[in-house]
Amino acid sequence: MKLKNYMKEGQKLPLFGIGPYLIYGIGLFTAICIILFVYVLKIGKPDR
Protein backbone atom coordinates (compact mmCIF):
# COMPACT_ATOMS: atom_id res chain seq x y z
CA MET A 1 0.00 0.00 0.00
CA LYS A 2 1.50 3.29 -1.10
CA LEU A 3 0.71 6.52 0.74
CA LYS A 4 -0.97 9.13 -1.40
CA ASN A 5 1.16 12.16 -2.15
CA TYR A 6 -0.93 15.34 -2.05
CA MET A 7 1.82 17.44 -3.66
CA LYS A 8 1.26 18.15 -7.32
CA GLU A 9 4.09 18.59 -9.78
CA GLY A 10 5.50 22.08 -9.32
CA GLN A 11 3.33 22.85 -6.28
CA LYS A 12 5.16 24.92 -3.68
CA LEU A 13 2.73 24.70 -0.73
CA PRO A 14 1.34 21.51 0.83
CA LEU A 15 -2.36 20.64 0.60
CA PHE A 16 -3.35 22.58 3.73
CA GLY A 17 -1.17 25.62 2.98
CA ILE A 18 0.83 27.22 5.78
CA GLY A 19 -1.99 27.02 8.35
CA PRO A 20 -0.62 24.05 10.34
CA TYR A 21 2.82 25.65 10.51
CA LEU A 22 1.30 28.88 11.86
CA ILE A 23 -0.74 26.99 14.47
CA TYR A 24 2.30 25.04 15.69
CA GLY A 25 4.47 28.15 15.69
CA ILE A 26 1.95 30.23 17.63
CA GLY A 27 1.36 27.37 20.08
CA LEU A 28 5.08 26.93 20.72
CA PHE A 29 5.57 30.68 21.12
CA THR A 30 2.65 30.86 23.58
CA ALA A 31 3.98 27.95 25.64
CA ILE A 32 7.43 29.54 25.86
CA CYS A 33 5.92 32.89 26.89
CA ILE A 34 3.78 31.27 29.61
CA ILE A 35 6.78 29.35 30.99
CA LEU A 36 8.97 32.47 31.00
CA PHE A 37 6.20 34.58 32.57
CA VAL A 38 5.66 32.09 35.40
CA TYR A 39 9.43 31.81 35.94
CA VAL A 40 9.93 35.59 36.02
CA LEU A 41 6.85 36.09 38.20
CA LYS A 42 8.17 33.52 40.69
CA ILE A 43 11.57 35.23 40.84
CA GLY A 44 10.02 38.72 41.11
CA LYS A 45 7.99 37.96 44.24
CA PRO A 46 9.61 38.97 47.53
CA ASP A 47 10.03 36.19 50.10
CA ARG A 48 7.82 36.52 53.16
C-alpha atoms as a PDB file:
ATOM      1  CA  MET A   1       0.000   0.000   0.000  1.00  0.00           C
ATOM      2  CA  LYS A   2       1.500   3.295  -1.096  1.00  0.00           C
ATOM      3  CA  LEU A   3       0.713   6.523   0.738  1.00  0.00           C
ATOM      4  CA  LYS A   4      -0.969   9.129  -1.405  1.00  0.00           C
ATOM      5  CA  ASN A   5       1.159  12.162  -2.150  1.00  0.00           C
ATOM      6  CA  TYR A   6      -0.926  15.343  -2.050  1.00  0.00           C
ATOM      7  CA  MET A   7       1.816  17.436  -3.655  1.00  0.00           C
ATOM      8  CA  LYS A   8       1.256  18.146  -7.325  1.00  0.00           C
ATOM      9  CA  GLU A   9       4.090  18.588  -9.781  1.00  0.00           C
ATOM     10  CA  GLY A  10       5.503  22.078  -9.320  1.00  0.00           C
ATOM     11  CA  GLN A  11       3.334  22.850  -6.277  1.00  0.00           C
ATOM     12  CA  LYS A  12       5.156  24.918  -3.682  1.00  0.00           C
ATOM     13  CA  LEU A  13       2.726  24.699  -0.730  1.00  0.00           C
ATOM     14  CA  PRO A  14       1.338  21.508   0.828  1.00  0.00           C
ATOM     15  CA  LEU A  15      -2.362  20.640   0.600  1.00  0.00           C
ATOM     16  CA  PHE A  16      -3.352  22.578   3.729  1.00  0.00           C
ATOM     17  CA  GLY A  17      -1.171  25.624   2.985  1.00  0.00           C
ATOM     18  CA  ILE A  18       0.826  27.216   5.778  1.00  0.00           C
ATOM     19  CA  GLY A  19      -1.989  27.016   8.347  1.00  0.00           C
ATOM     20  CA  PRO A  20      -0.623  24.049  10.338  1.00  0.00           C
ATOM     21  CA  TYR A  21       2.823  25.655  10.513  1.00  0.00           C
ATOM     22  CA  LEU A  22       1.301  28.878  11.857  1.00  0.00           C
ATOM     23  CA  ILE A  23      -0.736  26.994  14.467  1.00  0.00           C
ATOM     24  CA  TYR A  24       2.297  25.041  15.693  1.00  0.00           C
ATOM     25  CA  GLY A  25       4.473  28.147  15.694  1.00  0.00           C
ATOM     26  CA  ILE A  26       1.951  30.234  17.629  1.00  0.00           C
ATOM     27  CA  GLY A  27       1.362  27.371  20.084  1.00  0.00           C
ATOM     28  CA  LEU A  28       5.076  26.932  20.724  1.00  0.00           C
ATOM     29  CA  PHE A  29       5.569  30.685  21.123  1.00  0.00           C
ATOM     30  CA  THR A  30       2.648  30.861  23.584  1.00  0.00           C
ATOM     31  CA  ALA A  31       3.978  27.949  25.640  1.00  0.00           C
ATOM     32  CA  ILE A  32       7.432  29.541  25.859  1.00  0.00           C
ATOM     33  CA  CYS A  33       5.919  32.886  26.890  1.00  0.00           C
ATOM     34  CA  ILE A  34       3.785  31.267  29.615  1.00  0.00           C
ATOM     35  CA  ILE A  35       6.779  29.355  30.992  1.00  0.00           C
ATOM     36  CA  LEU A  36       8.967  32.470  31.003  1.00  0.00           C
ATOM     37  CA  PHE A  37       6.197  34.581  32.566  1.00  0.00           C
ATOM     38  CA  VAL A  38       5.665  32.092  35.403  1.00  0.00           C
ATOM     39  CA  TYR A  39       9.433  31.810  35.940  1.00  0.00           C
ATOM     40  CA  VAL A  40       9.928  35.594  36.017  1.00  0.00           C
ATOM     41  CA  LEU A  41       6.845  36.093  38.205  1.00  0.00           C
ATOM     42  CA  LYS A  42       8.171  33.521  40.691  1.00  0.00           C
ATOM     43  CA  ILE A  43      11.572  35.234  40.840  1.00  0.00           C
ATOM     44  CA  GLY A  44      10.023  38.721  41.105  1.00  0.00           C
ATOM     45  CA  LYS A  45       7.990  37.957  44.241  1.00  0.00           C
ATOM     46  CA  PRO A  46       9.607  38.965  47.529  1.00  0.00           C
ATOM     47  CA  ASP A  47      10.034  36.191  50.096  1.00  0.00           C
ATOM     48  CA  ARG A  48       7.820  36.521  53.155  1.00  0.00           C
END
